[in-house]
Amino acid sequence: MESIFHEKQEGSLCAQHCLNNLLQGEYFTPVDLSSIAHQLDEEERMRMAEGGMGSEEYRTFLQVWEGSGGFSLFLLFSTL
């Protein structure tokens, strides 16, 4: 290995930097991770709605889901 890739921490993009440093290259951008997160959120929302959109679990899910803004560990490991 000629050199070690290191993406310096910028803002709150820990997941992006972690993945890129682990994979030793510029593989993910915030846009990439946002797109993956959106897809996973939509899939989860559909699964949660299967139990009924009026259920307590679904309403709780929507309250927790709205506006968190960060990339979760679930997203981080889903990309690998």
C-alpha atoms as a PDB file:
ATOM      1  CA  MET A   1       0.000   0.000   0.000  1.00  0.00           C
ATOM      2  CA  GLU A   2       1.549   3.287  -1.084  1.00  0.00           C
ATOM      3  CA  SER A   3      -0.385   5.561   1.239  1.00  0.00           C
ATOM      4  CA  ILE A   4      -3.251   5.530   3.686  1.00  0.00           C
ATOM      5  CA  PHE A   5      -6.412   7.375   2.681  1.00  0.00           C
ATOM      6  CA  HIS A   6      -7.767   9.639   5.401  1.00  0.00           C
ATOM      7  CA  GLU A   7     -10.826  11.817   4.958  1.00  0.00           C
ATOM      8  CA  LYS A   8     -10.679  14.580   7.552  1.00  0.00           C
ATOM      9  CA  GLN A   9     -13.745  15.138   9.750  1.00  0.00           C
ATOM     10  CA  GLU A  10     -16.031  17.811   8.347  1.00  0.00           C
ATOM     11  CA  GLY A  11     -19.257  18.914  10.003  1.00  0.00           C
ATOM     12  CA  SER A  12     -21.439  16.070  11.232  1.00  0.00           C
ATOM     13  CA  LEU A  13     -20.548  13.645   8.466  1.00  0.00           C
ATOM     14  CA  CYS A  14     -19.069  10.952  10.719  1.00  0.00           C
ATOM     15  CA  ALA A  15     -20.712   8.073   8.837  1.00  0.00           C
ATOM     16  CA  GLN A  16     -19.413   9.275   5.477  1.00  0.00           C
ATOM     17  CA  HIS A  17     -15.884   9.728   6.790  1.00  0.00           C
ATOM     18  CA  CYS A  18     -15.970   6.398   8.604  1.00  0.00           C
ATOM     19  CA  LEU A  19     -17.045   4.492   5.480  1.00  0.00           C
ATOM     20  CA  ASN A  20     -14.612   6.258   3.176  1.00  0.00           C
ATOM     21  CA  ASN A  21     -11.707   5.801   5.588  1.00  0.00           C
ATOM     22  CA  LEU A  22     -12.594   2.140   6.099  1.00  0.00           C
ATOM     23  CA  LEU A  23     -12.838   1.525   2.341  1.00  0.00           C
ATOM     24  CA  GLN A  24      -9.761   3.682   1.641  1.00  0.00           C
ATOM     25  CA  GLY A  25     -11.289   5.989  -0.965  1.00  0.00           C
ATOM     26  CA  GLU A  26     -13.939   8.578  -1.735  1.00  0.00           C
ATOM     27  CA  TYR A  27     -16.805   6.136  -2.176  1.00  0.00           C
ATOM     28  CA  PHE A  28     -19.676   7.958  -0.446  1.00  0.00           C
ATOM     29  CA  THR A  29     -20.887  11.557  -0.460  1.00  0.00           C
ATOM     30  CA  PRO A  30     -23.566  13.082   1.775  1.00  0.00           C
ATOM     31  CA  VAL A  31     -25.924  12.880  -1.219  1.00  0.00           C
ATOM     32  CA  ASP A  32     -25.230   9.139  -1.607  1.00  0.00           C
ATOM     33  CA  LEU A  33     -25.914   8.448   2.060  1.00  0.00           C
ATOM     34  CA  SER A  34     -29.027  10.642   2.046  1.00  0.00           C
ATOM     35  CA  SER A  35     -30.377   8.704  -0.928  1.00  0.00           C
ATOM     36  CA  ILE A  36     -29.717   5.354   0.756  1.00  0.00           C
ATOM     37  CA  ALA A  37     -31.249   6.625   4.011  1.00  0.00           C
ATOM     38  CA  HIS A  38     -34.354   7.841   2.168  1.00  0.00           C
ATOM     39  CA  GLN A  39     -34.799   4.450   0.482  1.00  0.00           C
ATOM     40  CA  LEU A  40     -34.414   2.624   3.805  1.00  0.00           C
ATOM     41  CA  ASP A  41     -36.845   5.036   5.505  1.00  0.00           C
ATOM     42  CA  GLU A  42     -39.457   4.450   2.811  1.00  0.00           C
ATOM     43  CA  GLU A  43     -39.085   0.672   3.107  1.00  0.00           C
ATOM     44  CA  GLU A  44     -39.373   0.875   6.885  1.00  0.00           C
ATOM     45  CA  ARG A  45     -42.401   3.166   6.663  1.00  0.00           C
ATOM     46  CA  MET A  46     -44.131   0.684   4.320  1.00  0.00           C
ATOM     47  CA  ARG A  47     -43.370  -2.224   6.693  1.00  0.00           C
ATOM     48  CA  MET A  48     -44.603  -0.269   9.709  1.00  0.00           C
ATOM     49  CA  ALA A  49     -47.810   0.686   7.861  1.00  0.00           C
ATOM     50  CA  GLU A  50     -48.597  -2.998   7.267  1.00  0.00           C
ATOM     51  CA  GLY A  51     -49.653  -3.173  10.924  1.00  0.00           C
ATOM     52  CA  GLY A  52     -52.129  -0.349  10.340  1.00  0.00           C
ATOM     53  CA  MET A  53     -51.528   3.358   9.903  1.00  0.00           C
ATOM     54  CA  GLY A  54     -53.682   4.061  12.949  1.00  0.00           C
ATOM     55  CA  SER A  55     -51.721   1.768  15.240  1.00  0.00           C
ATOM     56  CA  GLU A  56     -49.802   3.120  18.215  1.00  0.00           C
ATOM     57  CA  GLU A  57     -46.576   1.613  16.845  1.00  0.00           C
ATOM     58  CA  TYR A  58     -46.953   3.423  13.517  1.00  0.00           C
ATOM     59  CA  ARG A  59     -47.718   6.777  15.166  1.00  0.00           C
ATOM     60  CA  THR A  60     -44.694   6.376  17.467  1.00  0.00           C
ATOM     61  CA  PHE A  61     -42.524   5.457  14.481  1.00  0.00           C
ATOM     62  CA  LEU A  62     -43.570   8.627  12.650  1.00  0.00           C
ATOM     63  CA  GLN A  63     -42.807  10.816  15.664  1.00  0.00           C
ATOM     64  CA  VAL A  64     -39.328   9.325  16.087  1.00  0.00           C
ATOM     65  CA  TRP A  65     -38.601   9.312  12.353  1.00  0.00           C
ATOM     66  CA  GLU A  66     -39.354  12.965  11.614  1.00  0.00           C
ATOM     67  CA  GLY A  67     -36.414  15.309  11.518  1.00  0.00           C
ATOM     68  CA  SER A  68     -33.594  13.305  13.067  1.00  0.00           C
ATOM     69  CA  GLY A  69     -31.232  14.351  10.248  1.00  0.00           C
ATOM     70  CA  GLY A  70     -28.288  12.126  11.178  1.00  0.00           C
ATOM     71  CA  PHE A  71     -27.097   8.917   9.571  1.00  0.00           C
ATOM     72  CA  SER A  72     -27.697   5.962  11.871  1.00  0.00           C
ATOM     73  CA  LEU A  73     -25.524   2.925  12.501  1.00  0.00           C
ATOM     74  CA  PHE A  74     -28.157   0.930  10.628  1.00  0.00           C
ATOM     75  CA  LEU A  75     -27.469   3.022   7.516  1.00  0.00           C
ATOM     76  CA  LEU A  76     -23.736   2.753   8.026  1.00  0.00           C
ATOM     77  CA  PHE A  77     -23.828  -1.055   8.115  1.00  0.00           C
ATOM     78  CA  SER A  78     -26.449  -1.305   5.355  1.00  0.00           C
ATOM     79  CA  THR A  79     -24.048   0.322   2.904  1.00  0.00           C
ATOM     80  CA  LEU A  80     -21.361  -2.309   3.436  1.00  0.00           C
END
